[in-house]
């Protein structure tokens, strides 16, 4: 690679990282707006919140890199065109294709790295993030007792607790009433003048030390007998209060938590099951025909043996239709699974290839615009990114509903925008400009 190629690549570095960090910032802020209310309401610690956002960076990187390449290509070639460096290079005998080649090679290398990233890194990060969020959803909200003075607290299984007054600074409560509920209803009532609270997050337990109170209950052996016990101190342990973030290992993975190899195995398994159900439908239909169609014996048609025309035939028809409907539903479910996995397989490759497509788009547009500043670069980038993602999201929906093939759904934006990019590259190679930024400017 000669000095000119290094110079062209160097022009892309600053706008690439600028666009990349801007896009990452936007994606992080969007995720924060969606998730922070949930995370804070559950009383999640700062380290856990940071871990969740760190794990979410993987899918953001997979989306931001192709977009950043488009912005960088538009801005770099736009700057070179604006300063007439492209014109000078062409006058010196350097073709546009030679200027484009190092950028295309770099985009291809980045695309290959993204393919590896999408298969080896992204699935594990998505799996860990989903496991963490499952633990967050299971965790009960942070217990705020001050807001519940005079209200019954139903957060603890088998207990209804009322505090007349709460001193959160000293972890003391006053005017305590506790209703214990058993399998057969109310089993005991505990009243106390005051109490001390101690939360143990490591053991997920609340220890309540009550002072000066009474316990009212019925005798379990003699329900008509009423028992009242006074105490100066009574310790009550409440376990599994849901204040601890419990992570459970999960071997189950969703489609976005698998590599392409893992999903191909799922596709093969579902195709075998689908073929099995199709053969079953054929057997059911053949069995029905064998039992209901008349037979040809001794030159004459004879009615089916063992079937009364009314009762048996109607019952056989109903059973056959039910079996066929069940098989059709199973076939449809298996086909949807195949499409879902196939979409994700193709997506792991189509999005990285967008890096190459965006170079084919960005380079000629940057040259033809001749005003390739930051505003123009971002404006054109946003337009093409919106078109790309509209194709991708719409295609995924259509593929999931079995209207189009999964490969077409995921590769259509690359095929369409790639074709546009190739046309633009050929026009730029011939020196044809067709974007007019001022009235009267030559084309």
Protein backbone atom coordinates (compact mmCIF):
# COMPACT_ATOMS: atom_id res chain seq x y z
CA UNK A 1 0.00 0.00 0.00
CA UNK A 2 1.57 3.30 -1.12
CA UNK A 3 1.60 6.72 0.49
CA UNK A 4 -1.55 7.86 -1.35
CA UNK A 5 -3.55 4.96 0.03
CA UNK A 6 -2.38 5.70 3.57
CA UNK A 7 -3.36 9.34 3.07
CA UNK A 8 -6.88 8.38 1.92
CA UNK A 9 -7.32 6.06 4.91
CA UNK A 10 -6.02 8.67 7.33
CA UNK A 11 -8.73 11.05 6.15
CA UNK A 12 -11.33 8.51 7.29
CA UNK A 13 -10.03 7.89 10.81
CA UNK A 14 -11.19 11.08 12.55
CA UNK A 15 -14.72 11.19 11.03
CA UNK A 16 -15.14 7.43 11.65
CA UNK A 17 -14.42 7.66 15.37
CA UNK A 18 -16.39 10.89 15.67
CA UNK A 19 -19.45 9.30 14.05
CA UNK A 20 -18.97 6.05 15.97
CA UNK A 21 -18.91 7.73 19.39
CA UNK A 22 -21.83 10.00 18.51
CA UNK A 23 -23.91 7.01 17.44
CA UNK A 24 -22.90 5.03 20.52
CA UNK A 25 -23.82 7.99 22.71
CA UNK A 26 -27.26 8.22 21.10
CA UNK A 27 -27.87 4.48 21.51
CA UNK A 28 -26.71 4.51 25.15
CA UNK A 29 -28.92 7.51 25.99
CA UNK A 30 -31.91 5.82 24.32
CA UNK A 31 -31.31 2.65 26.34
CA UNK A 32 -30.90 4.66 29.54
CA UNK A 33 -34.24 6.39 28.99
CA UNK A 34 -35.90 3.01 28.53
CA UNK A 35 -34.25 1.09 31.37
CA UNK A 36 -33.16 3.49 34.13
CA UNK A 37 -36.63 3.84 35.64
CA UNK A 38 -36.93 0.06 35.94
CA UNK A 39 -33.41 -0.42 37.30
CA UNK A 40 -33.72 2.34 39.89
CA UNK A 41 -37.21 1.27 41.01
CA UNK A 42 -35.85 -2.20 41.75
CA UNK A 43 -33.08 -0.82 43.95
CA UNK A 44 -30.30 -2.13 41.70
CA UNK A 45 -26.73 -1.18 42.65
CA UNK A 46 -24.52 1.06 40.52
CA UNK A 47 -22.13 -1.77 39.62
CA UNK A 48 -24.99 -3.93 38.36
CA UNK A 49 -26.37 -1.05 36.28
CA UNK A 50 -22.92 -0.46 34.77
CA UNK A 51 -22.60 -4.17 34.05
CA UNK A 52 -25.91 -4.15 32.17
CA UNK A 53 -24.88 -1.18 30.03
CA UNK A 54 -21.48 -2.76 29.37
CA UNK A 55 -23.15 -5.95 28.15
CA UNK A 56 -25.48 -3.89 25.96
CA UNK A 57 -22.52 -2.25 24.21
CA UNK A 58 -22.08 -5.38 22.07
CA UNK A 59 -25.25 -4.97 20.01
CA UNK A 60 -24.67 -1.22 19.84
CA UNK A 61 -21.21 -1.77 18.33
CA UNK A 62 -22.67 -4.18 15.76
CA UNK A 63 -25.08 -1.45 14.63
CA UNK A 64 -22.87 1.61 14.97
CA UNK A 65 -19.82 0.43 13.00
CA UNK A 66 -21.51 0.22 9.55
CA UNK A 67 -23.24 3.57 10.11
CA UNK A 68 -19.98 5.19 11.17
CA UNK A 69 -18.30 3.89 8.00
CA UNK A 70 -20.97 5.56 5.87
CA UNK A 71 -20.57 8.88 7.68
CA UNK A 72 -16.78 8.69 7.53
CA UNK A 73 -16.73 7.88 3.81
CA UNK A 74 -19.10 10.71 2.94
CA UNK A 75 -17.21 13.26 5.02
CA UNK A 76 -13.71 12.15 3.96
CA UNK A 77 -14.37 12.10 0.22
CA UNK A 78 -16.47 15.24 0.56
CA UNK A 79 -13.57 17.07 2.19
CA UNK A 80 -11.14 15.86 -0.49
CA UNK A 81 -13.55 17.00 -3.19
CA UNK A 82 -14.22 20.36 -1.55
CA UNK A 83 -10.50 21.14 -1.35
CA UNK A 84 -10.08 20.08 -5.01
CA UNK A 85 -7.68 17.30 -4.01
CA UNK A 86 -9.71 14.78 -6.02
CA UNK A 87 -9.44 17.05 -9.08
CA UNK A 88 -5.68 17.38 -8.62
CA UNK A 89 -5.24 13.64 -8.23
CA UNK A 90 -7.30 12.94 -11.34
CA UNK A 91 -5.21 15.48 -13.25
CA UNK A 92 -2.14 13.54 -12.14
CA UNK A 93 -3.55 10.35 -13.64
CA UNK A 94 -4.97 8.80 -10.45
CA UNK A 95 -8.35 7.20 -11.15
CA UNK A 96 -11.28 7.26 -8.76
CA UNK A 97 -11.18 3.46 -8.54
CA UNK A 98 -7.62 3.62 -7.23
CA UNK A 99 -8.70 6.12 -4.56
CA UNK A 100 -11.60 3.86 -3.61
CA UNK A 101 -9.63 0.59 -3.40
CA UNK A 102 -7.94 1.09 0.04
CA UNK A 103 -11.26 2.12 1.60
CA UNK A 104 -13.02 -0.90 0.13
CA UNK A 105 -10.26 -3.20 1.40
CA UNK A 106 -10.48 -1.68 4.87
CA UNK A 107 -14.29 -1.97 4.88
CA UNK A 108 -13.98 -5.63 3.84
CA UNK A 109 -11.55 -6.29 6.71
CA UNK A 110 -13.92 -4.58 9.17
CA UNK A 111 -16.84 -6.60 7.77
CA UNK A 112 -14.95 -9.85 8.39
CA UNK A 113 -14.15 -8.76 11.95
CA UNK A 114 -17.82 -7.91 12.50
CA UNK A 115 -18.84 -11.38 11.29
CA UNK A 116 -16.52 -12.90 13.91
CA UNK A 117 -17.80 -10.44 16.51
CA UNK A 118 -21.44 -11.26 15.70
CA UNK A 119 -20.83 -14.99 16.08
CA UNK A 120 -18.36 -15.19 18.97
CA UNK A 121 -18.92 -12.12 21.15
CA UNK A 122 -22.41 -10.73 20.56
CA UNK A 123 -24.40 -13.92 21.41
CA UNK A 124 -22.67 -14.36 24.79
CA UNK A 125 -23.10 -10.70 25.69
CA UNK A 126 -26.78 -10.81 24.71
CA UNK A 127 -27.25 -13.98 26.78
CA UNK A 128 -25.61 -12.50 29.85
CA UNK A 129 -27.61 -9.28 29.49
CA UNK A 130 -30.87 -11.23 29.20
CA UNK A 131 -29.99 -13.36 32.24
CA UNK A 132 -29.22 -10.22 34.23
CA UNK A 133 -32.49 -8.56 33.20
CA UNK A 134 -34.43 -11.70 34.15
CA UNK A 135 -32.93 -11.42 37.64
CA UNK A 136 -33.85 -7.73 37.75
CA UNK A 137 -37.47 -8.46 36.82
CA UNK A 138 -37.68 -11.16 39.53
CA UNK A 139 -36.32 -8.80 42.18
CA UNK A 140 -38.93 -6.97 44.16
CA UNK A 141 -38.88 -3.17 44.27
CA UNK A 142 -36.74 -1.49 46.91
CA UNK A 143 -38.69 -1.52 50.15
CA UNK A 144 -39.47 2.02 51.25
CA UNK A 145 -41.29 1.87 54.60
CA UNK A 146 -41.57 5.61 55.18
CA UNK A 147 -44.02 5.92 52.29
CA UNK A 148 -46.20 3.18 53.78
CA UNK A 149 -46.95 4.54 57.24
CA UNK A 150 -50.50 3.56 58.15
CA UNK A 151 -50.77 1.21 55.15
CA UNK A 152 -50.72 -2.57 55.05
CA UNK A 153 -47.58 -4.01 53.44
CA UNK A 154 -48.31 -7.16 51.42
CA UNK A 155 -44.80 -7.66 49.97
CA UNK A 156 -43.93 -10.59 52.24
CA UNK A 157 -45.51 -14.01 51.59
CA UNK A 158 -48.00 -15.08 54.26
CA UNK A 159 -47.85 -11.75 56.12
CA UNK A 160 -49.73 -8.45 56.21
CA UNK A 161 -47.80 -5.81 58.20
CA UNK A 162 -48.92 -2.39 59.41
CA UNK A 163 -46.58 0.27 60.89
CA UNK A 164 -48.16 3.37 62.42
CA UNK A 165 -44.85 5.27 62.42
CA UNK A 166 -41.47 4.64 60.78
CA UNK A 167 -38.04 6.08 61.64
CA UNK A 168 -35.88 5.02 58.67
CA UNK A 169 -32.71 6.66 60.03
CA UNK A 170 -32.76 4.49 63.15
CA UNK A 171 -34.50 1.52 61.44
CA UNK A 172 -37.23 1.61 64.09
CA UNK A 173 -40.98 1.19 63.73
CA UNK A 174 -43.81 1.96 66.13
CA UNK A 175 -47.34 0.63 66.48
CA UNK A 176 -46.70 -2.70 64.80
CA UNK A 177 -49.53 -5.03 63.73
CA UNK A 178 -48.76 -8.27 61.89
CA UNK A 179 -51.33 -10.69 60.49
CA UNK A 180 -49.97 -14.19 59.81
CA UNK A 181 -51.85 -16.14 57.15
CA UNK A 182 -51.81 -19.92 57.01
CA UNK A 183 -53.25 -22.40 54.51
CA UNK A 184 -56.64 -22.19 56.19
CA UNK A 185 -56.73 -18.43 56.61
CA UNK A 186 -55.68 -16.12 59.44
CA UNK A 187 -53.53 -18.02 61.96
CA UNK A 188 -52.13 -15.34 64.30
CA UNK A 189 -52.10 -11.62 65.06
CA UNK A 190 -48.99 -9.98 66.53
CA UNK A 191 -49.12 -6.52 68.07
CA UNK A 192 -46.11 -4.62 69.47
CA UNK A 193 -45.40 -1.14 70.76
CA UNK A 194 -42.15 -0.84 68.73
CA UNK A 195 -39.62 -2.82 66.76
CA UNK A 196 -36.13 -2.76 65.27
CA UNK A 197 -35.52 -3.76 61.64
CA UNK A 198 -32.42 -5.29 60.12
CA UNK A 199 -32.15 -6.09 56.41
CA UNK A 200 -29.58 -8.68 55.32
CA UNK A 201 -29.11 -8.40 51.55
CA UNK A 202 -26.61 -11.25 51.44
CA UNK A 203 -29.13 -13.63 53.03
CA UNK A 204 -32.18 -11.89 51.52
CA UNK A 205 -33.76 -11.77 54.98
CA UNK A 206 -35.50 -9.24 57.20
CA UNK A 207 -35.05 -9.62 60.97
CA UNK A 208 -37.71 -7.82 63.02
CA UNK A 209 -37.12 -7.50 66.78
CA UNK A 210 -40.43 -6.54 68.43
CA UNK A 211 -40.76 -5.01 71.91
CA UNK A 212 -43.66 -5.02 74.39
CA UNK A 213 -46.40 -6.81 72.59
CA UNK A 214 -48.82 -9.71 72.42
CA UNK A 215 -49.49 -12.68 70.16
CA UNK A 216 -53.11 -13.69 69.57
CA UNK A 217 -53.84 -17.07 68.00
CA UNK A 218 -56.23 -20.00 68.11
CA UNK A 219 -55.13 -23.40 69.36
CA UNK A 220 -54.56 -25.57 66.25
CA UNK A 221 -55.68 -28.70 68.16
CA UNK A 222 -58.73 -27.01 69.71
CA UNK A 223 -59.97 -24.30 67.31
CA UNK A 224 -62.50 -23.00 69.86
CA UNK A 225 -59.69 -22.21 72.30
CA UNK A 226 -58.19 -18.71 72.12
CA UNK A 227 -54.53 -18.12 73.13
CA UNK A 228 -52.91 -14.82 74.06
CA UNK A 229 -49.19 -14.57 74.80
CA UNK A 230 -47.44 -11.45 76.06
CA UNK A 231 -43.76 -10.75 75.40
CA UNK A 232 -41.13 -8.16 76.15
CA UNK A 233 -39.06 -9.18 73.13
CA UNK A 234 -39.96 -11.27 70.13
CA UNK A 235 -37.72 -11.90 67.12
CA UNK A 236 -39.34 -12.55 63.74
CA UNK A 237 -37.29 -13.68 60.71
CA UNK A 238 -38.74 -13.15 57.24
CA UNK A 239 -36.79 -14.98 54.53
CA UNK A 240 -36.81 -14.61 50.75
CA UNK A 241 -38.02 -11.03 50.81
CA UNK A 242 -36.92 -10.52 47.19
CA UNK A 243 -34.42 -7.74 47.91
CA UNK A 244 -31.49 -9.78 46.64
CA UNK A 245 -30.59 -9.94 42.96
CA UNK A 246 -30.54 -13.69 42.29
CA UNK A 247 -29.04 -14.73 38.98
CA UNK A 248 -29.99 -18.12 37.68
CA UNK A 249 -27.87 -19.93 35.13
CA UNK A 250 -29.89 -20.56 32.00
CA UNK A 251 -28.88 -22.94 29.26
CA UNK A 252 -31.81 -21.81 27.13
CA UNK A 253 -30.82 -19.24 24.51
CA UNK A 254 -32.91 -17.08 22.25
CA UNK A 255 -32.15 -16.58 18.57
CA UNK A 256 -30.07 -13.45 19.27
CA UNK A 257 -28.06 -15.33 21.86
CA UNK A 258 -26.78 -17.94 19.41
CA UNK A 259 -24.03 -18.09 16.84
CA UNK A 260 -24.81 -18.92 13.23
CA UNK A 261 -23.57 -22.47 13.79
CA UNK A 262 -25.93 -23.00 16.73
CA UNK A 263 -28.88 -21.64 14.78
CA UNK A 264 -28.10 -23.80 11.74
CA UNK A 265 -28.36 -26.83 14.04
CA UNK A 266 -31.77 -25.56 15.21
CA UNK A 267 -32.87 -25.10 11.59
CA UNK A 268 -31.85 -28.66 10.71
CA UNK A 269 -33.70 -30.03 13.74
CA UNK A 270 -36.88 -28.11 12.87
CA UNK A 271 -36.70 -29.17 9.23
CA UNK A 272 -36.54 -32.82 10.27
CA UNK A 273 -39.57 -32.30 12.53
CA UNK A 274 -41.39 -30.46 9.74
CA UNK A 275 -40.75 -33.30 7.30
CA UNK A 276 -41.96 -35.78 9.92
CA UNK A 277 -45.27 -33.91 10.28
CA UNK A 278 -45.70 -33.73 6.50
CA UNK A 279 -45.27 -37.49 6.20
CA UNK A 280 -47.75 -37.93 9.05
CA UNK A 281 -50.30 -35.81 7.17
CA UNK A 282 -49.80 -37.94 4.08
CA UNK A 283 -50.36 -41.13 6.11
CA UNK A 284 -53.50 -39.73 7.74
CA UNK A 285 -54.92 -38.68 4.38
CA UNK A 286 -54.07 -42.04 2.79
CA UNK A 287 -55.60 -43.93 5.71
CA UNK A 288 -58.78 -41.89 5.38
CA UNK A 289 -59.01 -42.60 1.66
CA UNK A 290 -58.39 -46.30 2.20
CA UNK A 291 -61.17 -46.47 4.77
CA UNK A 292 -63.78 -44.34 3.02
CA UNK A 293 -63.38 -44.83 -0.74
CA UNK A 294 -65.30 -47.70 -2.28
CA UNK A 295 -63.30 -50.70 -3.50
CA UNK A 296 -63.40 -52.29 -6.94
CA UNK A 297 -63.97 -56.02 -6.66
CA UNK A 298 -65.09 -58.50 -9.31
CA UNK A 299 -65.77 -55.77 -11.81
CA UNK A 300 -68.05 -53.86 -9.41
CA UNK A 301 -67.63 -51.06 -6.87
CA UNK A 302 -68.24 -52.13 -3.29
CA UNK A 303 -68.78 -49.82 -0.27
CA UNK A 304 -65.93 -49.59 2.30
CA UNK A 305 -66.00 -52.49 4.73
CA UNK A 306 -66.73 -51.94 8.37
CA UNK A 307 -68.15 -48.41 7.99
CA UNK A 308 -71.78 -47.51 8.46
CA UNK A 309 -72.58 -44.69 6.04
CA UNK A 310 -73.77 -42.25 8.66
CA UNK A 311 -72.15 -42.68 12.09
CA UNK A 312 -68.76 -44.24 11.33
CA UNK A 313 -68.07 -42.13 8.26
CA UNK A 314 -68.87 -38.88 10.03
CA UNK A 315 -66.74 -39.83 13.04
CA UNK A 316 -63.84 -40.80 10.75
CA UNK A 317 -64.09 -37.50 8.90
CA UNK A 318 -63.99 -35.51 12.12
CA UNK A 319 -60.99 -37.41 13.51
CA UNK A 320 -59.14 -37.07 10.22
CA UNK A 321 -59.81 -33.33 9.98
CA UNK A 322 -58.65 -32.84 13.57
CA UNK A 323 -55.42 -34.71 12.90
CA UNK A 324 -54.81 -32.71 9.71
CA UNK A 325 -55.46 -29.40 11.47
CA UNK A 326 -53.06 -30.33 14.28
CA UNK A 327 -50.37 -31.33 11.80
CA UNK A 328 -50.86 -28.10 9.82
CA UNK A 329 -50.50 -26.05 13.01
CA UNK A 330 -47.32 -27.90 13.94
CA UNK A 331 -45.93 -27.46 10.42
CA UNK A 332 -46.69 -23.73 10.55
CA UNK A 333 -44.99 -23.42 13.97
CA UNK A 334 -41.89 -25.28 12.76
CA UNK A 335 -41.72 -23.16 9.61
CA UNK A 336 -41.93 -19.98 11.68
CA UNK A 337 -39.06 -21.23 13.84
CA UNK A 338 -37.02 -22.00 10.72
CA UNK A 339 -37.69 -18.53 9.33
CA UNK A 340 -36.86 -16.87 12.64
CA UNK A 341 -33.50 -18.59 12.92
CA UNK A 342 -32.76 -18.15 9.21
CA UNK A 343 -33.38 -14.41 9.47
CA UNK A 344 -30.90 -14.10 12.32
CA UNK A 345 -28.32 -16.22 10.49
CA UNK A 346 -28.45 -14.01 7.40
CA UNK A 347 -28.49 -10.87 9.56
CA UNK A 348 -25.15 -11.82 11.12
CA UNK A 349 -23.61 -11.54 7.64
CA UNK A 350 -25.75 -8.94 5.89
CA UNK A 351 -25.14 -6.16 8.44
CA UNK A 352 -21.32 -6.53 8.24
CA UNK A 353 -21.52 -6.52 4.43
CA UNK A 354 -23.30 -3.17 4.76
CA UNK A 355 -19.85 -1.75 5.58
CA UNK A 356 -18.83 -2.41 1.96
CA UNK A 357 -22.18 -1.19 0.58
CA UNK A 358 -21.91 2.08 2.51
CA UNK A 359 -18.43 2.71 1.09
CA UNK A 360 -19.83 2.26 -2.44
CA UNK A 361 -22.52 4.80 -1.58
CA UNK A 362 -20.51 7.27 0.48
CA UNK A 363 -17.43 7.74 -1.69
CA UNK A 364 -19.13 8.85 -4.94
CA UNK A 365 -21.75 10.89 -3.12
CA UNK A 366 -19.04 12.72 -1.18
CA UNK A 367 -17.23 13.59 -4.42
CA UNK A 368 -20.33 14.53 -6.38
CA UNK A 369 -21.73 16.76 -3.64
CA UNK A 370 -18.62 19.01 -3.65
CA UNK A 371 -19.83 20.56 -0.41
CA UNK A 372 -19.03 17.57 1.74
CA UNK A 373 -19.00 19.24 5.13
CA UNK A 374 -20.29 17.75 8.34
CA UNK A 375 -23.91 18.78 7.71
CA UNK A 376 -24.07 17.29 4.24
CA UNK A 377 -22.29 14.11 5.38
CA UNK A 378 -24.64 13.53 8.29
CA UNK A 379 -27.71 14.49 6.27
CA UNK A 380 -27.02 12.00 3.49
CA UNK A 381 -25.94 9.38 6.02
CA UNK A 382 -29.16 9.66 8.00
CA UNK A 383 -31.19 9.32 4.81
CA UNK A 384 -29.47 6.14 3.66
CA UNK A 385 -29.42 4.67 7.17
CA UNK A 386 -33.19 5.20 7.47
CA UNK A 387 -33.71 3.51 4.09
CA UNK A 388 -31.44 0.62 5.08
CA UNK A 389 -33.13 -0.04 8.40
CA UNK A 390 -36.61 0.36 6.89
CA UNK A 391 -35.70 -2.39 4.43
CA UNK A 392 -34.20 -4.54 7.19
CA UNK A 393 -37.02 -4.20 9.72
CA UNK A 394 -39.75 -4.55 7.10
CA UNK A 395 -38.01 -7.56 5.58
CA UNK A 396 -37.68 -9.24 8.97
CA UNK A 397 -41.41 -8.78 9.63
CA UNK A 398 -42.34 -10.16 6.21
CA UNK A 399 -40.00 -13.14 6.64
CA UNK A 400 -41.39 -13.95 10.10
CA UNK A 401 -44.87 -13.97 8.56
CA UNK A 402 -43.63 -16.22 5.74
CA UNK A 403 -44.36 -13.73 2.95
CA UNK A 404 -40.80 -13.69 1.60
CA UNK A 405 -37.70 -15.85 2.00
CA UNK A 406 -35.43 -15.01 4.96
CA UNK A 407 -32.34 -14.55 2.74
CA UNK A 408 -34.17 -12.01 0.59
CA UNK A 409 -35.47 -10.17 3.63
CA UNK A 410 -31.99 -9.65 5.06
CA UNK A 411 -30.05 -9.12 1.82
CA UNK A 412 -32.57 -6.88 0.01
CA UNK A 413 -31.20 -3.60 1.50
CA UNK A 414 -27.65 -4.59 0.54
CA UNK A 415 -28.72 -5.59 -2.96
CA UNK A 416 -30.72 -2.41 -3.53
CA UNK A 417 -28.31 0.07 -2.00
CA UNK A 418 -25.34 -1.86 -3.40
CA UNK A 419 -26.77 -1.53 -6.91
CA UNK A 420 -27.26 2.20 -6.34
CA UNK A 421 -23.70 2.44 -5.02
CA UNK A 422 -22.22 0.66 -8.03
CA UNK A 423 -24.06 3.02 -10.39
CA UNK A 424 -22.74 6.00 -8.44
CA UNK A 425 -19.20 4.61 -8.48
CA UNK A 426 -19.32 4.17 -12.25
CA UNK A 427 -20.62 7.72 -12.71
CA UNK A 428 -17.96 9.09 -10.37
CA UNK A 429 -15.30 7.12 -12.25
CA UNK A 430 -16.40 8.83 -15.47
CA UNK A 431 -16.39 12.20 -13.72
CA UNK A 432 -20.16 12.68 -13.96
CA UNK A 433 -21.76 14.79 -11.24
CA UNK A 434 -25.52 14.94 -10.88
CA UNK A 435 -26.10 16.57 -7.48
CA UNK A 436 -26.67 20.32 -7.83
CA UNK A 437 -26.27 22.31 -4.64
CA UNK A 438 -26.65 25.77 -6.16
CA UNK A 439 -28.79 27.02 -9.00
CA UNK A 440 -26.77 27.36 -12.14
CA UNK A 441 -23.96 25.05 -11.01
CA UNK A 442 -22.69 22.80 -13.75
CA UNK A 443 -23.51 19.08 -13.57
